[in-house]
Amino acid sequence: MINNVLIIEDDKDMQDLVVSFLTLYGLKENRILLASDPIEGLDIFRNRKNQISLVICDYYMPKSNGAELCEILKKNQSHTPIILQTGDLNIQLKDIKFVDSVLHKPYKYESLVTVMEDLCAEPPIFDFKEREIRISNIDNMGMSIKFLTSKRNGHGLVLDKSDSGYKIAMKPSTDIMENAIIETRATAFNFDDNSSTVNEMKKFEIVWFQLLSLDVCIVGLKLI
């Protein structure tokens, strides 16, 4: 399971973007460790290396480059996965020792998730008591749902979405459980011209849910 992630990045905007990706994925913000230069990153790693599941490190930084830092980190704890991120397309994984993957900036959320799931055994545990952060909001969208195990149908209202999932509100049901697989088709309604758009059928996994009342349940869906 992903425990703590250390981000070593001197660009504040890039730091914020990676943090948003990780919280979207389900990692709590207090499990994201930030360093603005290699010296600070090395200090955090040495003090907490047994608690760090993943390092995301920039290549070009003041005081030292990322490749040199990654070599030190790997020699301290060889089994900790390291992702090197850079805007330099000439830097390739085959040319850099002591890293497990290279991501070229700018990259999308899905690219980071793919690499993380290749390197780490399990994703973080979603905590349904905390609001899941989504990178975009949506309104006027409803969703028809089919539970594949029971074949029962349901309906939901989309509260938040990202490229990889949704947060929806729906009527409570015994079919709502973690790891359940559902098929969905979303319909967006445009009040300006009274038109609607129906999306293609997609499959999702229920990754968390929260019962608010006898009438409302909030459900987190991850695209599969």
Protein backbone atom coordinates (compact mmCIF):
# COMPACT_ATOMS: atom_id res chain seq x y z
CA MET A 1 0.00 0.00 0.00
CA ILE A 2 1.20 3.54 -0.73
CA ASN A 3 1.99 5.18 2.59
CA ASN A 4 3.89 8.47 2.25
CA VAL A 5 5.08 10.08 -0.99
CA LEU A 6 8.05 12.44 -1.04
CA ILE A 7 8.00 15.15 -3.75
CA ILE A 8 11.33 16.89 -4.39
CA GLU A 9 10.62 19.79 -6.73
CA ASP A 10 11.77 23.43 -6.72
CA ASP A 11 8.92 24.71 -8.92
CA LYS A 12 5.97 25.59 -6.65
CA ASP A 13 3.40 25.30 -9.46
CA MET A 14 4.67 21.82 -10.32
CA GLN A 15 4.64 20.88 -6.63
CA ASP A 16 1.00 21.95 -6.38
CA LEU A 17 0.06 20.02 -9.52
CA VAL A 18 1.61 16.76 -8.28
CA VAL A 19 -0.06 17.22 -4.88
CA SER A 20 -3.42 17.66 -6.62
CA PHE A 21 -2.83 14.48 -8.64
CA LEU A 22 -1.95 12.49 -5.52
CA THR A 23 -4.94 13.72 -3.52
CA LEU A 24 -7.18 12.95 -6.47
CA TYR A 25 -5.75 9.44 -6.46
CA GLY A 26 -6.75 9.07 -2.82
CA LEU A 27 -3.66 10.02 -0.81
CA LYS A 28 -4.25 12.26 2.20
CA GLU A 29 -2.37 15.56 2.12
CA ASN A 30 -0.65 14.79 5.43
CA ARG A 31 0.98 11.82 3.71
CA ILE A 32 2.56 14.00 1.03
CA LEU A 33 6.02 15.24 1.98
CA LEU A 34 7.43 18.28 0.15
CA ALA A 35 11.00 19.42 -0.42
CA SER A 36 12.06 22.40 -2.54
CA ASP A 37 15.69 21.37 -3.11
CA PRO A 38 17.85 18.22 -2.98
CA ILE A 39 19.34 18.99 0.43
CA GLU A 40 15.92 19.32 2.04
CA GLY A 41 14.71 16.22 0.20
CA LEU A 42 17.65 14.16 1.37
CA ASP A 43 17.11 15.29 4.96
CA ILE A 44 13.43 14.28 4.89
CA PHE A 45 14.26 10.95 3.26
CA ARG A 46 16.93 10.04 5.80
CA ASN A 47 14.60 10.82 8.70
CA ARG A 48 11.55 9.05 7.30
CA LYS A 49 12.80 6.57 4.72
CA ASN A 50 11.06 3.61 6.37
CA GLN A 51 7.72 5.42 5.99
CA ILE A 52 8.15 6.58 2.38
CA SER A 53 6.58 4.41 -0.33
CA LEU A 54 7.49 6.53 -3.36
CA VAL A 55 9.76 9.44 -4.33
CA ILE A 56 8.90 11.86 -7.15
CA CYS A 57 12.00 13.92 -7.95
CA ASP A 58 12.70 16.73 -10.41
CA TYR A 59 15.83 16.54 -12.56
CA TYR A 60 16.95 20.18 -12.82
CA MET A 61 17.19 21.76 -9.35
CA PRO A 62 19.55 24.10 -7.51
CA LYS A 63 22.43 22.66 -5.46
CA SER A 64 22.36 19.27 -7.21
CA ASN A 65 20.61 17.55 -10.11
CA GLY A 66 17.95 14.94 -9.59
CA ALA A 67 19.99 12.06 -10.98
CA GLU A 68 22.70 12.56 -8.36
CA LEU A 69 20.13 12.78 -5.60
CA CYS A 70 18.32 9.64 -6.79
CA GLU A 71 21.58 7.72 -6.65
CA ILE A 72 22.04 8.72 -3.02
CA LEU A 73 18.45 7.80 -2.17
CA LYS A 74 18.69 4.39 -3.84
CA LYS A 75 21.92 3.61 -2.03
CA ASN A 76 20.20 4.49 1.25
CA GLN A 77 17.11 2.37 0.51
CA SER A 78 17.21 0.44 -2.74
CA HIS A 79 13.64 -0.88 -2.69
CA THR A 80 11.92 2.55 -2.61
CA PRO A 81 10.57 3.37 -6.11
CA ILE A 82 11.72 6.68 -7.62
CA ILE A 83 10.03 8.62 -10.43
CA LEU A 84 12.22 11.24 -12.08
CA GLN A 85 10.27 14.07 -13.70
CA THR A 86 11.75 16.48 -16.24
CA GLY A 87 10.83 18.73 -19.13
CA ASP A 88 13.95 17.64 -21.01
CA LEU A 89 12.87 15.11 -23.63
CA ASN A 90 16.50 14.05 -24.13
CA ILE A 91 16.52 12.46 -20.69
CA GLN A 92 15.37 8.86 -21.01
CA LEU A 93 15.07 6.04 -18.49
CA LYS A 94 17.77 3.97 -20.22
CA ASP A 95 20.26 6.80 -19.68
CA ILE A 96 19.58 7.36 -15.95
CA LYS A 97 20.65 4.92 -13.27
CA PHE A 98 18.99 4.59 -9.88
CA VAL A 99 15.49 5.60 -10.99
CA ASP A 100 12.53 3.37 -11.79
CA SER A 101 10.67 5.60 -14.23
CA VAL A 102 10.95 8.94 -16.05
CA LEU A 103 7.95 11.23 -16.63
CA HIS A 104 8.31 14.11 -19.06
CA LYS A 105 6.60 17.37 -18.15
CA PRO A 106 3.92 18.32 -18.73
CA TYR A 107 2.20 15.02 -18.04
CA LYS A 108 -1.40 14.10 -17.30
CA TYR A 109 -2.90 12.59 -14.16
CA GLU A 110 -3.40 9.26 -15.91
CA SER A 111 0.31 9.04 -16.81
CA LEU A 112 1.33 9.43 -13.16
CA VAL A 113 -1.25 6.90 -12.00
CA THR A 114 -0.08 4.34 -14.57
CA VAL A 115 3.53 4.67 -13.41
CA MET A 116 2.60 4.57 -9.72
CA GLU A 117 0.51 1.43 -10.14
CA ASP A 118 3.38 -0.22 -12.04
CA LEU A 119 5.85 0.58 -9.27
CA CYS A 120 3.72 0.23 -6.14
CA ALA A 121 1.84 -2.89 -5.13
CA GLU A 122 -1.43 -1.24 -4.06
CA PRO A 123 -3.07 2.19 -4.27
CA PRO A 124 -3.86 4.17 -1.11
CA ILE A 125 -6.99 3.38 0.88
CA PHE A 126 -9.71 5.92 0.17
CA ASP A 127 -11.11 7.53 3.30
CA PHE A 128 -14.77 8.19 2.62
CA LYS A 129 -14.98 10.49 5.68
CA GLU A 130 -12.91 13.10 3.86
CA ARG A 131 -14.05 14.91 0.74
CA GLU A 132 -12.32 13.48 -2.30
CA ILE A 133 -10.68 16.26 -4.28
CA ARG A 134 -11.64 16.36 -7.96
CA ILE A 135 -9.85 18.39 -10.61
CA SER A 136 -13.03 19.60 -12.24
CA ASN A 137 -16.60 20.23 -11.17
CA ILE A 138 -19.69 19.37 -13.15
CA ASP A 139 -23.37 20.15 -12.89
CA ASN A 140 -26.57 19.18 -14.65
CA MET A 141 -25.34 15.61 -15.14
CA GLY A 142 -27.25 12.50 -14.18
CA MET A 143 -26.08 8.92 -14.43
CA SER A 144 -27.85 5.62 -15.02
CA ILE A 145 -26.20 2.72 -13.19
CA LYS A 146 -26.26 -1.04 -13.54
CA PHE A 147 -24.76 -3.18 -10.76
CA LEU A 148 -23.10 -6.08 -12.55
CA THR A 149 -23.34 -8.52 -9.63
CA SER A 150 -27.07 -8.18 -8.96
CA LYS A 151 -28.09 -6.81 -12.38
CA ARG A 152 -30.13 -4.17 -10.55
CA ASN A 153 -30.35 -0.62 -11.87
CA GLY A 154 -30.03 2.74 -10.17
CA HIS A 155 -29.58 6.45 -10.80
CA GLY A 156 -27.07 9.01 -9.54
CA LEU A 157 -26.28 12.72 -9.67
CA VAL A 158 -22.69 13.61 -10.54
CA LEU A 159 -21.16 15.92 -7.90
CA ASP A 160 -17.52 15.95 -9.02
CA LYS A 161 -15.49 14.29 -11.71
CA SER A 162 -11.95 13.80 -12.99
CA ASP A 163 -10.48 11.99 -15.96
CA SER A 164 -10.39 8.81 -13.88
CA GLY A 165 -13.52 8.87 -11.78
CA TYR A 166 -16.66 10.44 -10.37
CA LYS A 167 -18.22 11.34 -7.07
CA ILE A 168 -21.97 10.81 -7.24
CA ALA A 169 -25.01 11.04 -4.97
CA MET A 170 -27.54 8.23 -5.15
CA LYS A 171 -30.19 6.41 -3.17
CA PRO A 172 -28.71 3.94 -0.65
CA SER A 173 -28.72 0.29 -1.68
CA THR A 174 -27.25 -2.98 -0.44
CA ASP A 175 -25.52 -3.19 -3.82
CA ILE A 176 -23.30 -0.23 -2.90
CA MET A 177 -20.11 -1.74 -1.51
CA GLU A 178 -16.39 -1.28 -1.97
CA ASN A 179 -14.90 -3.04 -5.01
CA ALA A 180 -18.33 -3.56 -6.62
CA ILE A 181 -18.23 -3.12 -10.41
CA ILE A 182 -20.90 -1.08 -12.16
CA GLU A 183 -21.74 0.04 -15.68
CA THR A 184 -22.80 3.64 -16.17
CA ARG A 185 -24.13 5.97 -18.81
CA ALA A 186 -24.15 9.69 -18.01
CA THR A 187 -26.58 12.25 -19.41
CA ALA A 188 -25.73 15.97 -19.35
CA PHE A 189 -28.59 18.46 -19.72
CA ASN A 190 -28.08 21.97 -21.14
CA PHE A 191 -30.68 24.36 -19.73
CA ASP A 192 -29.78 27.07 -22.25
CA ASP A 193 -31.13 25.21 -25.26
CA ASN A 194 -32.96 22.32 -23.52
CA SER A 195 -30.66 19.77 -25.13
CA SER A 196 -29.05 16.69 -23.59
CA THR A 197 -25.96 14.61 -24.34
CA VAL A 198 -25.68 10.89 -23.50
CA ASN A 199 -22.18 9.52 -22.91
CA GLU A 200 -20.99 6.06 -23.85
CA MET A 201 -21.30 3.16 -21.43
CA LYS A 202 -18.34 2.88 -19.03
CA LYS A 203 -17.32 0.53 -16.21
CA PHE A 204 -16.35 1.79 -12.76
CA GLU A 205 -15.24 0.31 -9.45
CA ILE A 206 -16.77 1.65 -6.22
CA VAL A 207 -13.76 2.75 -4.18
CA TRP A 208 -15.55 4.41 -1.26
CA PHE A 209 -19.01 5.38 -0.10
CA GLN A 210 -20.59 7.43 2.68
CA LEU A 211 -24.15 7.07 3.90
CA LEU A 212 -25.47 10.56 4.67
CA SER A 213 -29.07 9.65 5.45
CA LEU A 214 -31.73 7.09 4.67
CA ASP A 215 -32.18 8.81 1.31
CA VAL A 216 -28.70 9.86 0.21
CA CYS A 217 -25.40 8.01 -0.23
CA ILE A 218 -22.23 9.58 -1.64
CA VAL A 219 -20.18 7.18 -3.78
CA GLY A 220 -16.67 7.43 -5.22
CA LEU A 221 -16.18 5.69 -8.59
CA LYS A 222 -12.87 4.85 -10.26
CA LEU A 223 -12.77 4.19 -14.00
CA ILE A 224 -11.57 0.70 -14.94
